[in-house]
């Protein structure tokens, strides 16, 4: 007698679909049963849902159909709860039977309601039943015979408040366009949605997809088609690093984490760290001001990954260009003060430009050595599963985080270049004149250098010297004047509070503010910003502002430096002749601003 319940269950089963027993019902035919047995029934929706639903999620399903998709999700992905809505009242008993047959009633519920998002929501709406349940819809789009039924409605915003869904699964036969037009999706992490252009045309399908993109959802092409999208908000819950609190000051340790490098060189790249279950790790993100530069990737297939044994420190994005290396590739190194380096195999980075190979620039290793970091640099160029990965938050960078976190400032003050002694003159001018106009320039800078040399300043070209020599010069100087540029980021790490600093602006850019914030936060001295640009010149072959060339007003610049105590009073500096400046520019620039100074 003890086997009877099991035998009764077996007799009631029409098909087994991914572990879910499907009972016989009037809505099954031989073809559907065959597809269920072969795990091809609603195969795209199921594959997409199983790729995004995590253990403990709360899933809201709209358009339950026979209940198979939701049950497969509940059985295989182990969500905390699945709340399903089906408009066809004739399906409800069979859905409940399926849930009971698979012992899922403790975490699955189905309601005969329609979820609406629009204003002035009615208490009921008309649903059009057809001979095949698959074609039943809110929309009566042709002359085929239907049976109208009134179905109660429920408000989506109220559902979100009460049920708190993480994932939506939507197959509502054309109702998705109206739903998306008014839905607040800000709390939803992921979604599987089927589009039905037969009901609203190609333009309607495009609108659906545009709404999802605007809400921050990214399609996973591996499990999506033209008509069924699996998409996630890959930046879900992401916020810029705060120098005073939050994830920028935290360290997370991960087991079997995925490290996924970018596949192309772009400003914003799909790259980052995922947990073993595919969750994006926000601590690994790279931000510039309020813009996220690393969009979280999807979990790579196992066949695409290599296993990296050992314990590794996450370094982030590795630049081969010093200005960004010194601001965006060293942002995690504050953790070195809290970790025993002997426990680690190295630091793992992803390349900024995956198309560039060959030996790395020497300044990368030299900078780490100055920070007393002995760890090897490993550049991931294909997806990895890292046995043990330690991920510090972004403790420094460009934007508000240019202040650095307290931990980051402390590490740089205590460890960076601790053995380098001051060596050099008391007055230093940090020049850009030998970098060439292709890197952005201060027009007529060679004339400024002559004037400053007459005031006792050494003209210093940092790119011609080792990091140690640069640091020695910066530590020895009591007065520093510099053409605005990345050399000042290195200065900020080693400068002294008693040193006076003046920055000669060469462009109108937010980068100037980042530099000023960096200097003041790390040295304690607020720099004098000398903004005396008469004109700005743009290269004809690119609109990029960082490559503009600024023409300073020499006399006004002199007055500011005198007032700031950097130079002595004397005859006014003469403005170079326009013909000489134009000759220095060449024919590849055009005038973009002409702003007289007072």
Protein backbone atom coordinates (compact mmCIF):
# COMPACT_ATOMS: atom_id res chain seq x y z
CA UNK A 1 0.00 0.00 0.00
CA UNK A 2 2.89 2.39 0.60
CA UNK A 3 3.69 2.50 -3.14
CA UNK A 4 0.20 3.49 -4.23
CA UNK A 5 0.61 7.33 -4.12
CA UNK A 6 3.77 7.11 -6.20
CA UNK A 7 2.06 4.82 -8.73
CA UNK A 8 -0.89 7.20 -8.98
CA UNK A 9 1.52 10.05 -9.67
CA UNK A 10 3.26 8.06 -12.36
CA UNK A 11 -0.05 7.25 -14.03
CA UNK A 12 -1.01 10.94 -14.08
CA UNK A 13 2.18 12.03 -15.84
CA UNK A 14 1.98 12.88 -19.54
CA UNK A 15 5.60 14.04 -19.82
CA UNK A 16 8.72 14.75 -17.81
CA UNK A 17 10.23 18.14 -18.67
CA UNK A 18 13.56 19.02 -17.00
CA UNK A 19 12.59 17.14 -13.87
CA UNK A 20 9.00 18.44 -13.76
CA UNK A 21 6.11 15.95 -14.08
CA UNK A 22 3.41 17.33 -16.37
CA UNK A 23 -0.10 15.88 -15.80
CA UNK A 24 -2.50 15.03 -18.59
CA UNK A 25 -4.95 17.80 -19.46
CA UNK A 26 -7.29 18.76 -22.33
CA UNK A 27 -4.71 21.35 -23.40
CA UNK A 28 -2.01 18.81 -24.25
CA UNK A 29 -1.60 17.19 -27.63
CA UNK A 30 0.89 14.69 -28.95
CA UNK A 31 3.22 17.37 -30.32
CA UNK A 32 3.34 19.32 -27.04
CA UNK A 33 3.94 16.15 -25.06
CA UNK A 34 6.77 15.19 -27.42
CA UNK A 35 8.38 18.62 -27.13
CA UNK A 36 8.14 18.50 -23.33
CA UNK A 37 9.79 15.10 -23.19
CA UNK A 38 12.60 16.41 -25.41
CA UNK A 39 12.94 19.58 -23.24
CA UNK A 40 12.12 21.71 -26.28
CA UNK A 41 8.78 23.07 -25.05
CA UNK A 42 9.24 26.82 -24.45
CA UNK A 43 12.93 25.98 -24.69
CA UNK A 44 14.21 29.53 -25.20
CA UNK A 45 12.22 30.92 -22.27
CA UNK A 46 13.32 28.10 -19.97
CA UNK A 47 16.99 28.35 -20.96
CA UNK A 48 16.91 32.10 -20.41
CA UNK A 49 15.19 31.84 -17.03
CA UNK A 50 17.58 29.19 -15.76
CA UNK A 51 20.51 31.44 -16.74
CA UNK A 52 19.34 34.36 -14.61
CA UNK A 53 17.26 33.04 -11.70
CA UNK A 54 19.39 32.50 -8.61
CA UNK A 55 18.73 30.50 -5.49
CA UNK A 56 16.67 32.65 -3.14
CA UNK A 57 15.23 34.92 -5.87
CA UNK A 58 11.57 35.91 -6.02
CA UNK A 59 10.10 35.38 -9.48
CA UNK A 60 6.99 37.06 -10.88
CA UNK A 61 5.56 35.17 -13.87
CA UNK A 62 2.98 36.78 -16.16
CA UNK A 63 1.27 34.49 -18.68
CA UNK A 64 1.66 31.15 -16.96
CA UNK A 65 0.14 29.00 -19.70
CA UNK A 66 0.21 25.37 -18.58
CA UNK A 67 2.51 26.24 -15.66
CA UNK A 68 5.44 24.24 -17.02
CA UNK A 69 7.91 27.15 -17.39
CA UNK A 70 7.37 28.41 -13.84
CA UNK A 71 7.56 24.91 -12.42
CA UNK A 72 10.81 24.16 -14.23
CA UNK A 73 12.24 27.39 -12.80
CA UNK A 74 11.09 26.52 -9.27
CA UNK A 75 12.35 22.92 -9.50
CA UNK A 76 15.77 23.65 -11.00
CA UNK A 77 16.81 27.18 -9.96
CA UNK A 78 15.51 26.99 -6.35
CA UNK A 79 14.02 30.47 -6.05
CA UNK A 80 12.42 31.43 -2.77
CA UNK A 81 9.02 31.98 -4.38
CA UNK A 82 7.30 32.06 -7.77
CA UNK A 83 4.09 34.07 -8.07
CA UNK A 84 2.30 33.36 -11.35
CA UNK A 85 -0.57 35.13 -13.13
CA UNK A 86 -2.73 33.55 -15.81
CA UNK A 87 -5.71 35.28 -17.44
CA UNK A 88 -7.32 32.15 -18.84
CA UNK A 89 -9.57 30.78 -16.05
CA UNK A 90 -9.79 27.37 -17.73
CA UNK A 91 -6.07 26.77 -17.18
CA UNK A 92 -5.99 27.50 -13.46
CA UNK A 93 -7.08 24.04 -12.16
CA UNK A 94 -4.51 22.28 -14.37
CA UNK A 95 -1.73 24.63 -13.25
CA UNK A 96 -2.55 23.94 -9.62
CA UNK A 97 -2.57 20.20 -10.33
CA UNK A 98 0.92 20.48 -11.84
CA UNK A 99 2.19 22.37 -8.81
CA UNK A 100 0.76 19.77 -6.46
CA UNK A 101 2.09 16.85 -8.51
CA UNK A 102 5.61 18.24 -8.16
CA UNK A 103 5.35 19.25 -4.47
CA UNK A 104 5.80 22.93 -5.36
CA UNK A 105 2.79 24.45 -3.61
CA UNK A 106 4.95 25.67 -0.73
CA UNK A 107 6.74 28.14 -3.03
CA UNK A 108 4.45 28.53 -6.05
CA UNK A 109 1.12 30.29 -6.33
CA UNK A 110 -1.05 31.03 -9.37
CA UNK A 111 -3.73 33.71 -9.57
CA UNK A 112 -6.40 34.27 -12.21
CA UNK A 113 -5.63 37.98 -12.61
CA UNK A 114 -4.08 40.30 -15.17
CA UNK A 115 -1.18 42.56 -14.12
CA UNK A 116 -1.56 46.15 -15.31
CA UNK A 117 0.70 49.19 -15.11
CA UNK A 118 -1.26 51.97 -16.82
CA UNK A 119 -3.07 54.90 -15.21
CA UNK A 120 -6.78 54.66 -14.31
CA UNK A 121 -6.63 50.92 -13.93
CA UNK A 122 -10.02 49.17 -14.23
CA UNK A 123 -11.02 46.49 -11.76
CA UNK A 124 -11.57 44.00 -14.61
CA UNK A 125 -10.56 43.75 -18.27
CA UNK A 126 -11.84 41.63 -21.12
CA UNK A 127 -9.70 38.66 -22.11
CA UNK A 128 -10.36 36.90 -25.41
CA UNK A 129 -10.29 33.10 -25.22
CA UNK A 130 -9.56 31.15 -28.40
CA UNK A 131 -9.68 27.50 -29.25
CA UNK A 132 -5.95 27.24 -28.55
CA UNK A 133 -4.86 28.65 -25.24
CA UNK A 134 -1.62 29.87 -26.84
CA UNK A 135 -3.49 32.44 -28.96
CA UNK A 136 -5.75 33.80 -26.20
CA UNK A 137 -5.01 37.46 -25.53
CA UNK A 138 -6.10 40.82 -24.23
CA UNK A 139 -5.95 41.97 -27.83
CA UNK A 140 -8.62 40.91 -30.36
CA UNK A 141 -6.53 41.49 -33.46
CA UNK A 142 -8.48 39.59 -36.15
CA UNK A 143 -11.93 38.19 -36.98
CA UNK A 144 -11.39 34.73 -35.55
CA UNK A 145 -14.01 33.55 -33.09
CA UNK A 146 -13.23 34.26 -29.43
CA UNK A 147 -14.98 33.90 -26.12
CA UNK A 148 -14.67 37.09 -24.05
CA UNK A 149 -14.30 36.77 -20.28
CA UNK A 150 -13.85 39.45 -17.65
CA UNK A 151 -10.71 38.95 -15.61
CA UNK A 152 -9.81 40.80 -12.38
CA UNK A 153 -6.75 43.07 -12.47
CA UNK A 154 -3.90 43.73 -10.07
CA UNK A 155 -1.58 46.73 -9.99
CA UNK A 156 2.08 46.00 -10.79
CA UNK A 157 3.41 48.67 -8.43
CA UNK A 158 1.45 47.11 -5.57
CA UNK A 159 2.80 43.68 -6.50
CA UNK A 160 6.34 45.01 -6.42
CA UNK A 161 5.76 46.45 -2.94
CA UNK A 162 4.10 43.33 -1.59
CA UNK A 163 5.94 40.49 -3.35
CA UNK A 164 9.33 42.18 -3.97
CA UNK A 165 10.23 40.32 -7.20
CA UNK A 166 13.81 40.09 -8.46
CA UNK A 167 12.99 38.51 -11.82
CA UNK A 168 10.10 38.85 -14.29
CA UNK A 169 9.05 36.13 -16.75
CA UNK A 170 6.60 37.63 -19.26
CA UNK A 171 4.66 35.90 -22.04
CA UNK A 172 1.37 37.76 -22.34
CA UNK A 173 0.53 37.50 -26.05
CA UNK A 174 0.94 41.15 -27.04
CA UNK A 175 0.16 42.82 -23.72
CA UNK A 176 3.87 43.43 -23.04
CA UNK A 177 4.03 46.75 -24.91
CA UNK A 178 1.38 48.45 -22.76
CA UNK A 179 2.87 46.84 -19.66
CA UNK A 180 6.38 48.16 -20.38
CA UNK A 181 5.20 51.66 -21.31
CA UNK A 182 4.12 52.35 -17.74
CA UNK A 183 6.14 49.88 -15.62
CA UNK A 184 8.67 51.03 -13.05
CA UNK A 185 11.38 48.40 -13.45
CA UNK A 186 13.92 50.01 -11.14
CA UNK A 187 13.82 47.18 -8.60
CA UNK A 188 13.89 44.36 -11.15
CA UNK A 189 17.28 42.72 -11.74
CA UNK A 190 16.49 40.43 -14.68
CA UNK A 191 13.76 39.45 -17.10
CA UNK A 192 12.70 36.91 -19.72
CA UNK A 193 10.19 38.42 -22.12
CA UNK A 194 8.56 37.24 -25.34
CA UNK A 195 7.64 39.85 -27.97
CA UNK A 196 4.59 39.45 -30.23
CA UNK A 197 4.92 41.79 -33.22
CA UNK A 198 1.85 40.14 -34.81
CA UNK A 199 -0.19 42.17 -32.32
CA UNK A 200 1.59 45.54 -32.47
CA UNK A 201 3.92 45.39 -35.46
CA UNK A 202 7.67 45.69 -35.83
CA UNK A 203 7.58 49.24 -34.45
CA UNK A 204 5.94 48.00 -31.27
CA UNK A 205 8.65 45.37 -30.81
CA UNK A 206 11.31 48.04 -31.29
CA UNK A 207 9.56 50.18 -28.65
CA UNK A 208 9.60 47.28 -26.19
CA UNK A 209 13.31 46.75 -26.69
CA UNK A 210 14.07 50.48 -26.47
CA UNK A 211 12.19 50.69 -23.16
CA UNK A 212 14.23 47.81 -21.76
CA UNK A 213 17.52 49.34 -22.91
CA UNK A 214 16.57 52.72 -21.45
CA UNK A 215 15.86 50.99 -18.12
CA UNK A 216 19.40 49.59 -18.16
CA UNK A 217 18.67 46.03 -19.27
CA UNK A 218 21.25 44.26 -21.42
CA UNK A 219 20.30 41.34 -23.65
CA UNK A 220 22.17 38.08 -23.19
CA UNK A 221 22.66 37.06 -26.80
CA UNK A 222 23.63 33.50 -25.84
CA UNK A 223 20.10 32.65 -24.72
CA UNK A 224 18.02 35.21 -26.64
CA UNK A 225 16.33 35.37 -30.04
CA UNK A 226 14.58 38.14 -31.99
CA UNK A 227 11.32 37.39 -30.21
CA UNK A 228 12.48 36.17 -26.79
CA UNK A 229 14.91 38.23 -24.76
CA UNK A 230 16.72 37.25 -21.60
CA UNK A 231 18.12 40.44 -20.17
CA UNK A 232 19.66 41.74 -16.97
CA UNK A 233 20.44 45.09 -15.46
CA UNK A 234 24.16 44.43 -15.22
CA UNK A 235 24.76 47.62 -13.22
CA UNK A 236 21.94 46.80 -10.80
CA UNK A 237 22.53 48.47 -7.46
CA UNK A 238 25.84 49.97 -8.61
CA UNK A 239 26.83 53.35 -7.18
CA UNK A 240 30.01 55.39 -7.69
CA UNK A 241 32.77 54.97 -5.11
CA UNK A 242 32.47 57.25 -2.09
CA UNK A 243 35.78 58.35 -0.52
CA UNK A 244 34.23 58.34 2.95
CA UNK A 245 32.12 55.18 3.10
CA UNK A 246 30.74 52.15 1.32
CA UNK A 247 32.23 49.60 -1.04
CA UNK A 248 35.28 51.74 -1.89
CA UNK A 249 36.62 50.91 1.60
CA UNK A 250 35.68 47.23 1.64
CA UNK A 251 37.42 44.01 0.64
CA UNK A 252 35.55 40.89 -0.47
CA UNK A 253 37.02 37.40 -0.79
CA UNK A 254 35.64 35.08 -3.48
CA UNK A 255 35.95 31.38 -4.20
CA UNK A 256 36.01 30.21 -7.84
CA UNK A 257 35.26 33.68 -9.17
CA UNK A 258 35.03 34.41 -12.88
CA UNK A 259 37.36 37.08 -14.28
CA UNK A 260 36.14 38.11 -17.73
CA UNK A 261 38.37 40.43 -19.80
CA UNK A 262 37.05 42.79 -22.49
CA UNK A 263 37.06 41.66 -26.11
CA UNK A 264 37.59 45.11 -27.63
CA UNK A 265 39.06 48.51 -26.82
CA UNK A 266 36.20 50.87 -25.93
CA UNK A 267 35.56 53.69 -23.49
CA UNK A 268 32.93 51.62 -21.67
CA UNK A 269 33.77 47.91 -21.73
CA UNK A 270 32.01 44.67 -20.90
CA UNK A 271 34.38 43.18 -18.36
CA UNK A 272 34.67 42.42 -14.66
CA UNK A 273 34.35 39.83 -11.91
CA UNK A 274 31.47 37.43 -11.27
CA UNK A 275 30.87 35.15 -8.33
CA UNK A 276 30.76 31.40 -8.90
CA UNK A 277 27.00 31.61 -9.54
CA UNK A 278 27.40 34.43 -12.06
CA UNK A 279 26.54 37.41 -9.86
CA UNK A 280 28.29 40.65 -10.77
CA UNK A 281 30.76 41.83 -8.10
CA UNK A 282 30.27 45.58 -7.67
CA UNK A 283 33.52 45.94 -5.72
CA UNK A 284 35.40 45.11 -8.93
CA UNK A 285 33.80 47.92 -10.97
CA UNK A 286 35.76 50.85 -12.38
CA UNK A 287 34.11 54.26 -12.22
CA UNK A 288 35.17 57.60 -13.65
CA UNK A 289 33.24 60.36 -11.90
CA UNK A 290 29.62 59.15 -12.00
CA UNK A 291 30.07 56.95 -15.05
CA UNK A 292 30.52 53.20 -14.81
CA UNK A 293 33.26 52.18 -17.26
CA UNK A 294 32.93 48.43 -16.77
CA UNK A 295 29.61 46.82 -17.65
CA UNK A 296 29.32 43.44 -15.99
CA UNK A 297 29.66 40.51 -18.39
CA UNK A 298 27.51 37.42 -18.56
CA UNK A 299 28.85 34.24 -17.07
CA UNK A 300 31.10 32.55 -19.63
CA UNK A 301 30.58 28.96 -20.66
CA UNK A 302 32.85 26.50 -18.86
CA UNK A 303 34.47 25.45 -22.13
CA UNK A 304 35.61 29.07 -22.61
CA UNK A 305 37.33 29.36 -19.23
CA UNK A 306 40.64 28.33 -17.78
CA UNK A 307 41.22 27.62 -14.10
CA UNK A 308 43.79 29.82 -12.35
CA UNK A 309 44.88 28.14 -9.11
CA UNK A 310 46.13 30.03 -6.10
CA UNK A 311 45.16 33.21 -4.30
CA UNK A 312 45.09 36.45 -6.31
CA UNK A 313 44.51 40.14 -5.68
CA UNK A 314 42.16 41.93 -8.06
CA UNK A 315 43.88 44.90 -9.67
CA UNK A 316 41.21 46.01 -12.14
CA UNK A 317 41.83 47.56 -15.55
CA UNK A 318 45.47 47.70 -16.66
CA UNK A 319 46.46 50.71 -18.74
CA UNK A 320 49.66 50.96 -20.78
CA UNK A 321 49.27 54.76 -20.87
CA UNK A 322 50.80 56.39 -17.80
CA UNK A 323 48.18 59.13 -17.21
CA UNK A 324 45.44 56.52 -16.78
CA UNK A 325 47.64 53.89 -15.19
CA UNK A 326 48.48 56.29 -12.36
CA UNK A 327 44.81 57.14 -11.81
CA UNK A 328 42.83 54.02 -12.76
CA UNK A 329 45.10 50.97 -12.59
CA UNK A 330 46.39 51.41 -9.02
CA UNK A 331 43.06 52.03 -7.32
CA UNK A 332 42.96 48.74 -5.38
CA UNK A 333 46.50 48.75 -4.02
CA UNK A 334 45.46 50.22 -0.68
CA UNK A 335 44.64 46.65 0.34
CA UNK A 336 48.34 45.78 0.43
CA UNK A 337 48.59 47.31 3.89
CA UNK A 338 46.00 44.85 5.21
CA UNK A 339 47.21 41.69 3.48
CA UNK A 340 50.19 39.37 3.73
CA UNK A 341 51.72 39.39 0.24
CA UNK A 342 53.31 35.99 0.84
CA UNK A 343 49.81 34.47 0.74
CA UNK A 344 49.22 35.64 -2.83
CA UNK A 345 50.25 34.35 -6.25
CA UNK A 346 50.05 37.82 -7.79
CA UNK A 347 47.80 40.68 -8.92
CA UNK A 348 45.34 39.94 -11.70
CA UNK A 349 44.32 42.66 -14.15
CA UNK A 350 42.25 42.80 -17.32
CA UNK A 351 43.75 44.77 -20.24
CA UNK A 352 42.29 48.09 -21.30
CA UNK A 353 43.22 47.27 -24.87
CA UNK A 354 43.02 43.52 -25.48
CA UNK A 355 44.44 43.97 -28.99
CA UNK A 356 47.82 45.19 -27.73
CA UNK A 357 50.29 42.56 -26.63
CA UNK A 358 54.04 42.49 -26.15
CA UNK A 359 56.17 43.51 -23.17
CA UNK A 360 54.43 45.85 -20.71
CA UNK A 361 55.75 49.39 -20.17
CA UNK A 362 58.40 49.51 -17.46
CA UNK A 363 56.55 52.09 -15.37
CA UNK A 364 53.97 49.46 -14.32
CA UNK A 365 56.48 47.32 -12.44
CA UNK A 366 58.43 50.36 -11.25
CA UNK A 367 55.33 51.88 -9.63
CA UNK A 368 54.46 48.66 -7.80
CA UNK A 369 58.06 48.34 -6.60
CA UNK A 370 57.89 51.84 -5.13
CA UNK A 371 54.81 50.75 -3.20
CA UNK A 372 56.78 47.82 -1.79
CA UNK A 373 54.61 45.41 -3.78
CA UNK A 374 56.46 42.25 -4.77
CA UNK A 375 53.50 40.52 -6.42
CA UNK A 376 53.68 39.52 -10.07
CA UNK A 377 51.31 41.12 -12.56
CA UNK A 378 49.01 38.70 -14.41
CA UNK A 379 47.01 40.11 -17.33
CA UNK A 380 43.91 38.02 -18.06
CA UNK A 381 43.33 37.80 -21.79
CA UNK A 382 40.70 35.05 -21.72
CA UNK A 383 37.98 34.19 -19.18
CA UNK A 384 39.32 32.65 -15.98
CA UNK A 385 37.97 30.84 -12.95
CA UNK A 386 40.19 32.04 -10.12
CA UNK A 387 40.49 29.63 -7.23
CA UNK A 388 40.67 32.41 -4.63
CA UNK A 389 40.22 36.08 -5.51
CA UNK A 390 40.45 39.02 -3.11
CA UNK A 391 38.65 42.12 -4.45
CA UNK A 392 39.30 45.51 -2.81
CA UNK A 393 36.99 48.38 -3.65
CA UNK A 394 38.04 51.34 -5.79
CA UNK A 395 39.84 53.51 -3.26
CA UNK A 396 41.04 56.14 -5.73
CA UNK A 397 40.39 57.33 -9.27
CA UNK A 398 38.90 60.23 -11.19
CA UNK A 399 35.93 62.15 -9.84
CA UNK A 400 34.91 62.59 -6.22
CA UNK A 401 37.05 59.54 -5.45
CA UNK A 402 40.13 61.63 -6.44
CA UNK A 403 40.17 62.49 -2.72
CA UNK A 404 41.07 58.88 -2.04
CA UNK A 405 39.68 56.89 0.85
CA UNK A 406 41.41 57.26 4.24
CA UNK A 407 42.98 53.82 3.72
CA UNK A 408 44.30 54.75 0.31
CA UNK A 409 45.81 58.04 1.49
CA UNK A 410 47.42 56.27 4.43
CA UNK A 411 49.06 53.61 2.25
CA UNK A 412 50.50 56.19 -0.13
CA UNK A 413 51.79 58.34 2.73
CA UNK A 414 53.40 55.45 4.61
CA UNK A 415 54.64 53.13 1.86
CA UNK A 416 54.98 54.85 -1.50
CA UNK A 417 58.58 55.67 -2.42
CA UNK A 418 59.51 55.60 1.26
CA UNK A 419 63.24 55.28 0.48
CA UNK A 420 63.43 58.08 -2.12
CA UNK A 421 65.12 61.17 -0.67
CA UNK A 422 64.59 64.78 -1.81
CA UNK A 423 67.07 65.79 -4.49
CA UNK A 424 66.76 68.85 -6.67
CA UNK A 425 66.19 72.61 -6.78
CA UNK A 426 63.76 74.53 -4.62
CA UNK A 427 61.94 75.93 -7.67
CA UNK A 428 60.61 73.52 -10.27
CA UNK A 429 58.61 74.02 -13.45
CA UNK A 430 56.98 70.79 -14.70
CA UNK A 431 56.79 71.18 -18.47
CA UNK A 432 54.82 69.56 -21.28
CA UNK A 433 56.67 71.32 -24.09
CA UNK A 434 58.53 68.23 -25.29
CA UNK A 435 55.50 65.94 -25.35
CA UNK A 436 54.38 67.40 -28.67
CA UNK A 437 51.00 68.88 -29.65
CA UNK A 438 49.46 65.43 -30.19
CA UNK A 439 49.17 65.09 -26.39
CA UNK A 440 47.57 68.50 -25.87
CA UNK A 441 49.73 71.53 -25.11
CA UNK A 442 50.12 75.05 -23.78
CA UNK A 443 50.82 77.23 -26.82
CA UNK A 444 54.03 79.21 -26.46
CA UNK A 445 55.16 77.16 -23.48
CA UNK A 446 58.79 77.49 -24.54
CA UNK A 447 58.47 81.28 -23.98
CA UNK A 448 57.03 80.67 -20.52
CA UNK A 449 59.97 78.42 -19.73
CA UNK A 450 62.44 81.20 -20.58
CA UNK A 451 60.58 83.61 -18.30
CA UNK A 452 60.45 81.11 -15.44
CA UNK A 453 64.12 80.19 -15.81
CA UNK A 454 64.88 83.87 -15.30
CA UNK A 455 63.02 83.52 -11.97
CA UNK A 456 65.25 80.63 -10.91
CA UNK A 457 63.04 77.70 -11.93
CA UNK A 458 64.45 74.46 -13.31
CA UNK A 459 62.49 73.30 -16.35
CA UNK A 460 61.74 69.64 -15.75
CA UNK A 461 60.45 67.13 -18.31
CA UNK A 462 59.21 64.19 -16.20
CA UNK A 463 58.82 61.75 -19.10
CA UNK A 464 62.60 61.83 -19.57
CA UNK A 465 63.30 60.56 -16.05
CA UNK A 466 62.65 57.52 -13.90
CA UNK A 467 59.88 57.60 -11.32
CA UNK A 468 62.52 57.80 -8.58
CA UNK A 469 64.09 60.93 -10.09
CA UNK A 470 60.69 62.55 -10.56
CA UNK A 471 59.75 61.88 -6.95
CA UNK A 472 63.10 63.16 -5.66
CA UNK A 473 62.58 66.43 -7.56
CA UNK A 474 59.03 66.85 -6.28
CA UNK A 475 60.06 66.24 -2.69
CA UNK A 476 62.92 68.73 -2.88
CA UNK A 477 60.91 71.60 -4.37
CA UNK A 478 59.45 74.36 -2.25
CA UNK A 479 57.66 76.01 -5.17
CA UNK A 480 56.20 74.06 -8.08
CA UNK A 481 54.64 75.52 -11.21
CA UNK A 482 53.25 73.04 -13.71
CA UNK A 483 51.43 72.95 -17.00
CA UNK A 484 48.25 71.06 -16.16
CA UNK A 485 48.73 67.34 -16.84
CA UNK A 486 49.09 63.83 -15.47
CA UNK A 487 52.53 64.46 -13.93
CA UNK A 488 50.68 66.27 -11.17
CA UNK A 489 48.98 63.02 -10.13
CA UNK A 490 52.38 61.54 -9.34
CA UNK A 491 53.31 64.79 -7.59
CA UNK A 492 50.16 64.55 -5.44
CA UNK A 493 51.26 61.17 -4.06
CA UNK A 494 54.58 62.55 -2.77
CA UNK A 495 54.20 66.33 -2.40
CA UNK A 496 54.47 68.16 0.91
CA UNK A 497 52.00 70.42 2.66
CA UNK A 498 54.55 73.25 2.83
CA UNK A 499 55.19 73.26 -0.92
CA UNK A 500 53.39 75.92 -2.95
CA UNK A 501 51.86 74.62 -6.19
CA UNK A 502 50.51 76.58 -9.17
CA UNK A 503 48.79 74.85 -12.09
CA UNK A 504 48.68 76.59 -15.48
CA UNK A 505 45.50 75.48 -17.25
CA UNK A 506 45.85 74.44 -20.90
CA UNK A 507 42.19 73.51 -21.54
CA UNK A 508 38.71 73.69 -20.08
CA UNK A 509 38.25 70.25 -18.55
CA UNK A 510 36.87 68.41 -15.53
CA UNK A 511 40.31 66.77 -15.33
CA UNK A 512 41.66 69.99 -13.82
CA UNK A 513 39.30 69.60 -10.89
CA UNK A 514 40.38 65.98 -10.40
CA UNK A 515 44.02 67.06 -10.27
CA UNK A 516 43.32 69.87 -7.82
CA UNK A 517 41.30 67.55 -5.57
CA UNK A 518 44.04 64.93 -5.67
CA UNK A 519 46.76 67.41 -4.72
CA UNK A 520 44.82 69.02 -1.89
CA UNK A 521 43.54 65.75 -0.40
CA UNK A 522 46.88 63.94 -0.42
CA UNK A 523 49.29 66.82 0.38
CA UNK A 524 47.06 69.13 2.38
CA UNK A 525 48.01 72.09 0.17
CA UNK A 526 45.45 73.74 -2.11
CA UNK A 527 46.99 74.50 -5.52
CA UNK A 528 46.66 77.86 -7.25
CA UNK A 529 44.78 77.35 -10.52
CA UNK A 530 45.89 79.88 -13.14
CA UNK A 531 43.19 80.04 -15.79
CA UNK A 532 44.33 82.72 -18.20
CA UNK A 533 43.55 81.20 -21.56
CA UNK A 534 43.03 83.64 -24.40
CA UNK A 535 42.15 81.15 -27.10
CA UNK A 536 41.58 77.45 -27.61
CA UNK A 537 42.60 75.51 -30.68
CA UNK A 538 41.13 72.19 -31.83
CA UNK A 539 42.75 69.59 -34.06
CA UNK A 540 40.97 69.19 -37.37
CA UNK A 541 41.07 65.39 -37.25
CA UNK A 542 39.42 64.90 -33.84
CA UNK A 543 36.94 66.72 -31.56
CA UNK A 544 38.55 65.32 -28.37
CA UNK A 545 38.95 68.19 -25.93
CA UNK A 546 41.89 66.65 -24.11
CA UNK A 547 43.94 67.28 -27.27
CA UNK A 548 43.03 70.97 -27.56
CA UNK A 549 45.82 73.51 -27.31
CA UNK A 550 45.39 76.56 -25.11
CA UNK A 551 47.01 79.94 -25.68
CA UNK A 552 47.66 81.68 -22.35
CA UNK A 553 47.62 85.40 -21.71
CA UNK A 554 51.25 85.85 -20.69
CA UNK A 555 50.85 89.13 -18.79
CA UNK A 556 47.77 87.90 -16.88
CA UNK A 557 49.54 84.63 -16.02
CA UNK A 558 52.50 86.64 -14.72
CA UNK A 559 50.23 88.76 -12.53
CA UNK A 560 48.63 85.67 -10.96
CA UNK A 561 52.02 84.10 -10.23
CA UNK A 562 53.28 87.32 -8.66
CA UNK A 563 50.16 87.56 -6.49
CA UNK A 564 50.60 83.93 -5.45
CA UNK A 565 54.21 84.49 -4.39
CA UNK A 566 55.72 82.26 -7.08
CA UNK A 567 57.73 84.91 -8.92
CA UNK A 568 58.98 88.44 -8.25
CA UNK A 569 57.52 91.64 -9.65
CA UNK A 570 58.99 92.85 -12.91
CA UNK A 571 58.29 94.01 -16.46
CA UNK A 572 55.20 92.53 -18.02
CA UNK A 573 55.71 89.34 -20.00
CA UNK A 574 55.17 89.98 -23.68
CA UNK A 575 52.65 87.97 -25.65
CA UNK A 576 54.35 86.03 -28.46
CA UNK A 577 53.54 87.28 -31.94
CA UNK A 578 50.50 85.61 -33.49
CA UNK A 579 52.53 84.69 -36.55
CA UNK A 580 54.98 82.78 -34.36
CA UNK A 581 52.17 81.01 -32.52
CA UNK A 582 50.40 80.13 -35.74
CA UNK A 583 53.64 78.78 -37.14
CA UNK A 584 54.07 76.61 -34.05
CA UNK A 585 50.52 75.31 -34.44
CA UNK A 586 50.73 74.44 -38.11
CA UNK A 587 47.76 74.02 -40.41
CA UNK A 588 46.09 71.12 -38.60
CA UNK A 589 44.30 73.24 -35.96
CA UNK A 590 41.31 75.57 -36.00
CA UNK A 591 40.30 78.28 -33.54
CA UNK A 592 37.33 77.24 -31.39
CA UNK A 593 37.23 79.90 -28.63
CA UNK A 594 38.45 83.44 -28.36
CA UNK A 595 37.96 84.73 -24.82
CA UNK A 596 39.60 88.04 -23.90
CA UNK A 597 41.02 88.18 -20.38
CA UNK A 598 40.66 91.14 -18.01
